């Protein structure tokens, strides 16, 4: 009886806690889609890859602007969040972005002559982006 109760409580807890993680993941995916659309329309970027991963690190968007390869970190936050998206780019996250970019560059032949790191911050209200900010050439070191 107690093991059955423990399993029920565990599944109840999982049902309560997973929607939050699922909502964050969904908001992140939606944010990446909206950021890609924004960059295509307003910055004239060509999106080459989204959610590129080498198994350890991930790049949200890999784009090209003219001859420049651009690695884009997308930060989506609900309207009224305590920490804005760009401010949430910790040193560790920047280092991981840099490592992932180097891994991506190693897959290219020939390698591009120039590349840079950008960030896109989205303020979300439900499924709509109320504000979008594009930060070019961010420091990842």
N, C-alpha and C. Protein backbone atom coordinates (compact mmCIF):
# COMPACT_ATOMS: atom_id res chain seq x y z
N UNK A 1 0.82 -1.19 0.00
CA UNK A 1 0.00 0.00 0.00
C UNK A 1 0.87 1.26 0.00
N UNK A 2 1.92 1.29 0.83
CA UNK A 2 2.76 2.47 0.88
C UNK A 2 3.52 2.69 -0.42
N UNK A 3 3.98 1.60 -1.05
CA UNK A 3 4.69 1.78 -2.31
C UNK A 3 3.74 2.32 -3.38
N UNK A 4 2.49 1.87 -3.35
CA UNK A 4 1.51 2.38 -4.31
C UNK A 4 1.28 3.88 -4.07
N UNK A 5 1.18 4.26 -2.80
CA UNK A 5 1.00 5.66 -2.46
C UNK A 5 2.21 6.48 -2.89
N UNK A 6 3.40 5.93 -2.67
CA UNK A 6 4.63 6.62 -3.07
C UNK A 6 4.67 6.84 -4.58
N UNK A 7 4.27 5.82 -5.34
CA UNK A 7 4.26 5.93 -6.80
C UNK A 7 3.23 6.98 -7.23
N UNK A 8 2.06 6.96 -6.58
CA UNK A 8 1.03 7.95 -6.91
C UNK A 8 1.50 9.37 -6.61
N UNK A 9 2.14 9.54 -5.46
CA UNK A 9 2.64 10.86 -5.10
C UNK A 9 3.73 11.31 -6.06
N UNK A 10 4.61 10.37 -6.42
CA UNK A 10 5.68 10.70 -7.36
C UNK A 10 5.10 11.11 -8.71
N UNK A 11 4.11 10.38 -9.20
CA UNK A 11 3.52 10.73 -10.50
C UNK A 11 2.72 12.03 -10.40
N UNK A 12 2.08 12.27 -9.23
CA UNK A 12 1.39 13.53 -9.04
C UNK A 12 2.37 14.69 -9.03
N UNK A 13 3.51 14.52 -8.34
CA UNK A 13 4.53 15.56 -8.31
C UNK A 13 5.08 15.81 -9.71
N UNK A 14 5.31 14.73 -10.47
CA UNK A 14 5.82 14.88 -11.84
C UNK A 14 4.81 15.63 -12.70
N UNK A 15 3.54 15.35 -12.52
CA UNK A 15 2.51 16.04 -13.30
C UNK A 15 2.46 17.51 -12.95
N UNK A 16 2.76 17.84 -11.69
CA UNK A 16 2.75 19.23 -11.28
C UNK A 16 4.00 19.95 -11.76
N UNK A 17 5.16 19.31 -11.67
CA UNK A 17 6.41 20.00 -11.98
C UNK A 17 6.75 20.00 -13.46
N UNK A 18 6.38 19.01 -14.22
CA UNK A 18 6.74 18.95 -15.63
C UNK A 18 6.11 20.04 -16.49
N UNK A 19 4.87 20.48 -16.23
CA UNK A 19 4.33 21.53 -17.09
C UNK A 19 5.16 22.80 -17.07
N UNK A 20 5.77 23.12 -15.94
CA UNK A 20 6.61 24.32 -15.89
C UNK A 20 7.81 24.16 -16.81
N UNK A 21 8.49 23.02 -16.70
CA UNK A 21 9.64 22.76 -17.58
C UNK A 21 9.18 22.71 -19.04
N UNK A 22 8.04 22.07 -19.26
CA UNK A 22 7.50 21.97 -20.61
C UNK A 22 7.17 23.36 -21.14
N UNK A 23 6.56 24.22 -20.31
CA UNK A 23 6.23 25.57 -20.74
C UNK A 23 7.49 26.37 -21.07
N UNK A 24 8.53 26.22 -20.27
CA UNK A 24 9.79 26.93 -20.56
C UNK A 24 10.38 26.46 -21.88
N UNK A 25 10.36 25.14 -22.08
CA UNK A 25 10.89 24.58 -23.32
C UNK A 25 10.06 25.07 -24.51
N UNK A 26 8.74 25.06 -24.34
CA UNK A 26 7.86 25.53 -25.42
C UNK A 26 8.09 27.00 -25.69
N UNK A 27 8.24 27.81 -24.63
CA UNK A 27 8.48 29.23 -24.82
C UNK A 27 9.84 29.44 -25.50
N UNK A 28 10.83 28.65 -25.13
CA UNK A 28 12.14 28.75 -25.77
C UNK A 28 12.07 28.43 -27.25
N UNK A 29 11.35 27.36 -27.58
CA UNK A 29 11.21 26.99 -28.99
C UNK A 29 10.44 28.05 -29.77
N UNK A 30 9.38 28.57 -29.17
CA UNK A 30 8.61 29.63 -29.81
C UNK A 30 9.48 30.88 -29.98
N UNK A 31 10.25 31.20 -28.94
CA UNK A 31 11.16 32.35 -29.02
C UNK A 31 12.16 32.21 -30.14
N UNK A 32 12.70 31.00 -30.32
CA UNK A 32 13.66 30.77 -31.40
C UNK A 32 13.01 30.93 -32.77
N UNK A 33 11.78 30.45 -32.90
CA UNK A 33 11.07 30.60 -34.18
C UNK A 33 10.80 32.08 -34.47
N UNK A 34 10.33 32.81 -33.45
CA UNK A 34 10.06 34.24 -33.65
C UNK A 34 11.34 35.02 -33.93
N UNK A 35 12.42 34.66 -33.25
CA UNK A 35 13.70 35.33 -33.49
C UNK A 35 14.18 35.07 -34.92
N UNK A 36 14.04 33.84 -35.40
CA UNK A 36 14.45 33.51 -36.76
C UNK A 36 13.64 34.32 -37.77
N UNK A 37 12.34 34.41 -37.56
CA UNK A 37 11.49 35.21 -38.46
C UNK A 37 11.91 36.68 -38.43
N UNK A 38 12.15 37.19 -37.23
CA UNK A 38 12.58 38.59 -37.09
C UNK A 38 13.89 38.84 -37.84
N UNK A 39 14.87 37.96 -37.65
CA UNK A 39 16.17 38.16 -38.29
C UNK A 39 16.07 38.06 -39.81
N UNK A 40 15.22 37.18 -40.31
CA UNK A 40 15.03 37.06 -41.76
C UNK A 40 14.39 38.32 -42.33
N UNK A 41 13.36 38.81 -41.66
CA UNK A 41 12.61 39.95 -42.20
C UNK A 41 13.30 41.28 -42.00
N UNK A 42 13.80 41.52 -40.80
CA UNK A 42 14.29 42.86 -40.47
C UNK A 42 15.80 43.02 -40.60
N UNK A 43 16.54 41.96 -40.41
CA UNK A 43 17.99 42.07 -40.50
C UNK A 43 18.52 41.41 -41.77
N UNK A 44 17.64 40.81 -42.55
CA UNK A 44 18.00 40.15 -43.81
C UNK A 44 19.02 39.03 -43.61
N UNK A 45 18.87 38.31 -42.52
CA UNK A 45 19.73 37.15 -42.26
C UNK A 45 19.19 35.95 -43.01
N UNK A 46 20.07 35.03 -43.32
CA UNK A 46 19.67 33.72 -43.82
C UNK A 46 19.95 32.72 -42.70
N UNK A 47 18.93 32.01 -42.27
CA UNK A 47 19.08 31.04 -41.19
C UNK A 47 19.61 29.74 -41.79
N UNK A 48 20.79 29.31 -41.33
CA UNK A 48 21.42 28.10 -41.83
C UNK A 48 21.07 26.88 -40.99
N UNK A 49 20.94 27.08 -39.67
CA UNK A 49 20.63 25.96 -38.77
C UNK A 49 19.96 26.50 -37.52
N UNK A 50 19.13 25.68 -36.93
CA UNK A 50 18.55 26.03 -35.64
C UNK A 50 18.74 24.86 -34.70
N UNK A 51 18.99 25.17 -33.45
CA UNK A 51 19.24 24.17 -32.41
C UNK A 51 20.37 23.22 -32.79
N UNK A 52 21.44 23.76 -33.35
CA UNK A 52 22.59 22.93 -33.71
C UNK A 52 23.28 22.49 -32.42
N UNK A 53 23.64 21.23 -32.35
CA UNK A 53 24.29 20.71 -31.15
C UNK A 53 25.40 19.75 -31.53
N UNK A 54 26.45 19.76 -30.72
CA UNK A 54 27.51 18.78 -30.90
C UNK A 54 27.41 17.70 -29.82
N UNK A 55 26.30 17.68 -29.12
CA UNK A 55 26.10 16.70 -28.06
C UNK A 55 26.38 17.25 -26.68
N UNK A 56 27.15 18.33 -26.62
CA UNK A 56 27.48 18.94 -25.34
C UNK A 56 26.99 20.37 -25.25
N UNK A 57 27.21 21.14 -26.29
CA UNK A 57 26.77 22.52 -26.33
C UNK A 57 25.78 22.69 -27.48
N UNK A 58 25.01 23.77 -27.40
CA UNK A 58 24.00 24.03 -28.41
C UNK A 58 24.08 25.49 -28.87
N UNK A 59 23.76 25.69 -30.14
CA UNK A 59 23.62 27.03 -30.70
C UNK A 59 22.18 27.16 -31.13
N UNK A 60 21.51 28.22 -30.66
CA UNK A 60 20.10 28.40 -31.00
C UNK A 60 19.90 28.61 -32.49
N UNK A 61 20.63 29.56 -33.07
CA UNK A 61 20.51 29.84 -34.50
C UNK A 61 21.90 30.08 -35.09
N UNK A 62 22.13 29.50 -36.24
CA UNK A 62 23.33 29.80 -37.02
C UNK A 62 22.83 30.49 -38.28
N UNK A 63 23.30 31.71 -38.51
CA UNK A 63 22.80 32.53 -39.61
C UNK A 63 23.96 33.05 -40.45
N UNK A 64 23.57 33.63 -41.57
CA UNK A 64 24.56 34.32 -42.40
C UNK A 64 24.00 35.69 -42.73
N UNK A 65 24.84 36.69 -42.55
CA UNK A 65 24.51 38.05 -42.96
C UNK A 65 25.59 38.47 -43.94
N UNK A 66 25.26 38.43 -45.21
CA UNK A 66 26.27 38.68 -46.24
C UNK A 66 27.32 37.59 -46.17
N UNK A 67 28.59 37.98 -45.98
CA UNK A 67 29.68 37.01 -45.88
C UNK A 67 30.03 36.64 -44.44
N UNK A 68 29.26 37.13 -43.49
CA UNK A 68 29.57 36.92 -42.08
C UNK A 68 28.68 35.81 -41.53
N UNK A 69 29.30 34.85 -40.87
CA UNK A 69 28.58 33.79 -40.17
C UNK A 69 28.23 34.33 -38.78
N UNK A 70 26.97 34.16 -38.38
CA UNK A 70 26.50 34.73 -37.12
C UNK A 70 25.92 33.63 -36.24
N UNK A 71 26.45 33.51 -35.03
CA UNK A 71 25.93 32.57 -34.04
C UNK A 71 25.02 33.35 -33.11
N UNK A 72 23.77 32.93 -33.01
CA UNK A 72 22.77 33.71 -32.30
C UNK A 72 22.26 32.94 -31.08
N UNK A 73 22.31 33.59 -29.94
CA UNK A 73 21.72 33.08 -28.70
C UNK A 73 20.37 33.79 -28.52
N UNK A 74 19.31 33.02 -28.35
CA UNK A 74 17.97 33.57 -28.19
C UNK A 74 17.57 33.47 -26.72
N UNK A 75 17.09 34.58 -26.18
CA UNK A 75 16.65 34.63 -24.78
C UNK A 75 15.21 35.13 -24.75
N UNK A 76 14.28 34.23 -24.46
CA UNK A 76 12.86 34.58 -24.38
C UNK A 76 12.46 34.63 -22.90
N UNK A 77 11.79 35.69 -22.52
CA UNK A 77 11.34 35.86 -21.14
C UNK A 77 9.90 36.35 -21.14
N UNK A 78 9.16 35.89 -20.15
CA UNK A 78 7.80 36.39 -19.98
C UNK A 78 7.85 37.86 -19.59
N UNK A 79 6.88 38.62 -20.05
CA UNK A 79 6.77 40.03 -19.69
C UNK A 79 6.72 40.14 -18.18
N UNK A 80 7.53 40.99 -17.61
CA UNK A 80 7.56 41.16 -16.17
C UNK A 80 8.56 40.26 -15.47
N UNK A 81 9.39 39.53 -16.22
CA UNK A 81 10.41 38.67 -15.60
C UNK A 81 11.40 39.53 -14.82
N UNK A 82 11.92 38.97 -13.74
CA UNK A 82 12.86 39.72 -12.90
C UNK A 82 14.14 40.07 -13.63
N UNK A 83 14.64 39.13 -14.42
CA UNK A 83 15.91 39.33 -15.13
C UNK A 83 15.63 39.35 -16.62
N UNK A 84 15.97 40.44 -17.30
CA UNK A 84 15.78 40.48 -18.76
C UNK A 84 16.63 39.42 -19.45
N UNK A 85 16.23 39.06 -20.66
CA UNK A 85 16.91 37.99 -21.39
C UNK A 85 18.40 38.20 -21.58
N UNK A 86 18.79 39.38 -22.05
CA UNK A 86 20.20 39.61 -22.32
C UNK A 86 21.02 39.57 -21.04
N UNK A 87 20.46 40.08 -19.96
CA UNK A 87 21.17 40.07 -18.67
C UNK A 87 21.33 38.66 -18.12
N UNK A 88 20.53 37.72 -18.62
CA UNK A 88 20.62 36.34 -18.14
C UNK A 88 21.73 35.54 -18.84
N UNK A 89 22.45 36.18 -19.76
CA UNK A 89 23.56 35.50 -20.42
C UNK A 89 24.77 35.49 -19.48
N UNK A 90 24.88 34.43 -18.74
CA UNK A 90 25.96 34.32 -17.77
C UNK A 90 27.29 34.06 -18.47
N UNK A 91 28.35 34.19 -17.72
CA UNK A 91 29.69 33.89 -18.24
C UNK A 91 29.75 32.45 -18.74
N UNK A 92 29.15 31.53 -17.98
CA UNK A 92 29.15 30.12 -18.36
C UNK A 92 28.41 29.91 -19.68
N UNK A 93 27.25 30.56 -19.84
CA UNK A 93 26.48 30.41 -21.07
C UNK A 93 27.25 30.99 -22.26
N UNK A 94 27.93 32.12 -22.06
CA UNK A 94 28.74 32.71 -23.13
C UNK A 94 29.90 31.79 -23.52
N UNK A 95 30.52 31.18 -22.51
CA UNK A 95 31.62 30.25 -22.78
C UNK A 95 31.10 29.04 -23.57
N UNK A 96 29.93 28.52 -23.19
CA UNK A 96 29.35 27.39 -23.92
C UNK A 96 28.99 27.76 -25.35
N UNK A 97 28.51 28.98 -25.54
CA UNK A 97 28.21 29.44 -26.90
C UNK A 97 29.49 29.50 -27.73
N UNK A 98 30.55 30.01 -27.14
CA UNK A 98 31.84 30.10 -27.83
C UNK A 98 32.35 28.70 -28.19
N UNK A 99 32.28 27.76 -27.24
CA UNK A 99 32.74 26.39 -27.50
C UNK A 99 31.91 25.73 -28.60
N UNK A 100 30.60 25.93 -28.55
CA UNK A 100 29.72 25.35 -29.58
C UNK A 100 30.04 25.95 -30.94
N UNK A 101 30.29 27.26 -30.98
CA UNK A 101 30.63 27.90 -32.25
C UNK A 101 31.93 27.35 -32.82
N UNK A 102 32.92 27.16 -31.95
CA UNK A 102 34.19 26.57 -32.43
C UNK A 102 33.97 25.16 -32.97
N UNK A 103 33.11 24.39 -32.30
CA UNK A 103 32.80 23.03 -32.78
C UNK A 103 32.10 23.10 -34.14
N UNK A 104 31.20 24.05 -34.30
CA UNK A 104 30.50 24.22 -35.57
C UNK A 104 31.49 24.62 -36.66
N UNK A 105 32.39 25.54 -36.34
CA UNK A 105 33.37 25.99 -37.32
C UNK A 105 34.27 24.86 -37.79
N UNK A 106 34.58 23.92 -36.89
CA UNK A 106 35.43 22.79 -37.27
C UNK A 106 34.77 21.89 -38.31
N UNK A 107 33.43 21.96 -38.43
CA UNK A 107 32.72 21.12 -39.40
C UNK A 107 32.70 21.74 -40.79
N UNK A 108 33.11 22.99 -40.91
CA UNK A 108 33.00 23.70 -42.19
C UNK A 108 34.29 23.65 -42.98
N UNK A 109 34.16 23.43 -44.26
CA UNK A 109 35.27 23.51 -45.21
C UNK A 109 34.79 24.24 -46.43
N UNK A 110 35.34 25.32 -46.80
CA UNK A 110 36.32 26.12 -46.08
C UNK A 110 35.64 26.88 -44.94
N UNK A 111 36.44 27.26 -43.99
CA UNK A 111 35.93 28.03 -42.86
C UNK A 111 35.66 29.47 -43.29
N UNK A 112 34.64 30.08 -42.73
CA UNK A 112 34.38 31.49 -43.08
C UNK A 112 35.49 32.39 -42.56
N UNK A 113 35.71 33.47 -43.25
CA UNK A 113 36.77 34.39 -42.83
C UNK A 113 36.35 35.20 -41.60
N UNK A 114 35.05 35.52 -41.51
CA UNK A 114 34.58 36.31 -40.37
C UNK A 114 33.32 35.68 -39.78
N UNK A 115 33.22 35.79 -38.49
CA UNK A 115 32.02 35.35 -37.78
C UNK A 115 31.88 36.21 -36.53
N UNK A 116 30.68 36.18 -35.99
CA UNK A 116 30.43 36.96 -34.78
C UNK A 116 29.31 36.30 -33.98
N UNK A 117 29.08 36.84 -32.80
CA UNK A 117 28.06 36.34 -31.90
C UNK A 117 27.02 37.44 -31.67
N UNK A 118 25.75 37.09 -31.84
CA UNK A 118 24.66 38.01 -31.58
C UNK A 118 23.72 37.40 -30.55
N UNK A 119 22.87 38.22 -29.99
CA UNK A 119 21.82 37.74 -29.09
C UNK A 119 20.51 38.41 -29.48
N UNK A 120 19.43 37.68 -29.34
CA UNK A 120 18.10 38.23 -29.56
C UNK A 120 17.32 38.01 -28.27
N UNK A 121 16.79 39.10 -27.75
CA UNK A 121 15.99 39.06 -26.52
C UNK A 121 14.53 39.30 -26.90
N UNK A 122 13.66 38.41 -26.43
CA UNK A 122 12.23 38.56 -26.69
C UNK A 122 11.49 38.67 -25.36
N UNK A 123 10.61 39.64 -25.28
CA UNK A 123 9.67 39.72 -24.15
C UNK A 123 8.36 39.13 -24.63
N UNK A 124 7.92 38.12 -23.93
CA UNK A 124 6.74 37.37 -24.37
C UNK A 124 5.54 37.68 -23.48
N UNK A 125 4.40 37.73 -24.11
CA UNK A 125 3.13 37.79 -23.41
C UNK A 125 2.27 36.72 -24.05
N UNK A 126 2.19 35.58 -23.37
CA UNK A 126 1.53 34.42 -23.97
C UNK A 126 2.39 33.90 -25.12
N UNK A 127 1.79 33.86 -26.31
CA UNK A 127 2.54 33.39 -27.48
C UNK A 127 2.98 34.54 -28.38
N UNK A 128 2.82 35.76 -27.90
CA UNK A 128 3.22 36.93 -28.69
C UNK A 128 4.47 37.57 -28.12
N UNK A 129 5.32 38.04 -29.00
CA UNK A 129 6.50 38.79 -28.58
C UNK A 129 6.11 40.26 -28.52
N UNK A 130 6.16 40.84 -27.33
CA UNK A 130 5.79 42.25 -27.18
C UNK A 130 6.97 43.17 -27.52
N UNK A 131 8.18 42.67 -27.31
CA UNK A 131 9.39 43.43 -27.66
C UNK A 131 10.45 42.45 -28.15
N UNK A 132 11.21 42.88 -29.16
CA UNK A 132 12.34 42.10 -29.65
C UNK A 132 13.53 43.03 -29.75
N UNK A 133 14.64 42.63 -29.15
CA UNK A 133 15.87 43.41 -29.21
C UNK A 133 16.97 42.53 -29.80
N UNK A 134 17.68 43.08 -30.77
CA UNK A 134 18.78 42.36 -31.42
C UNK A 134 20.09 43.02 -31.00
N UNK A 135 20.93 42.25 -30.33
CA UNK A 135 22.24 42.74 -29.88
C UNK A 135 23.30 42.13 -30.81
N UNK A 136 23.99 42.98 -31.53
CA UNK A 136 25.00 42.53 -32.48
C UNK A 136 26.38 42.50 -31.83
N UNK A 137 27.14 41.50 -32.26
CA UNK A 137 28.55 41.41 -31.88
C UNK A 137 28.75 41.45 -30.36
N UNK A 138 28.08 40.54 -29.66
CA UNK A 138 28.21 40.50 -28.20
C UNK A 138 29.55 39.89 -27.80
N UNK A 139 29.98 40.24 -26.63
CA UNK A 139 31.24 39.72 -26.09
C UNK A 139 30.99 38.35 -25.47
N UNK A 140 31.71 37.34 -25.90
CA UNK A 140 31.57 36.00 -25.32
C UNK A 140 32.84 35.58 -24.57
N UNK A 141 33.76 36.48 -24.39
CA UNK A 141 35.01 36.14 -23.72
C UNK A 141 35.02 36.66 -22.30
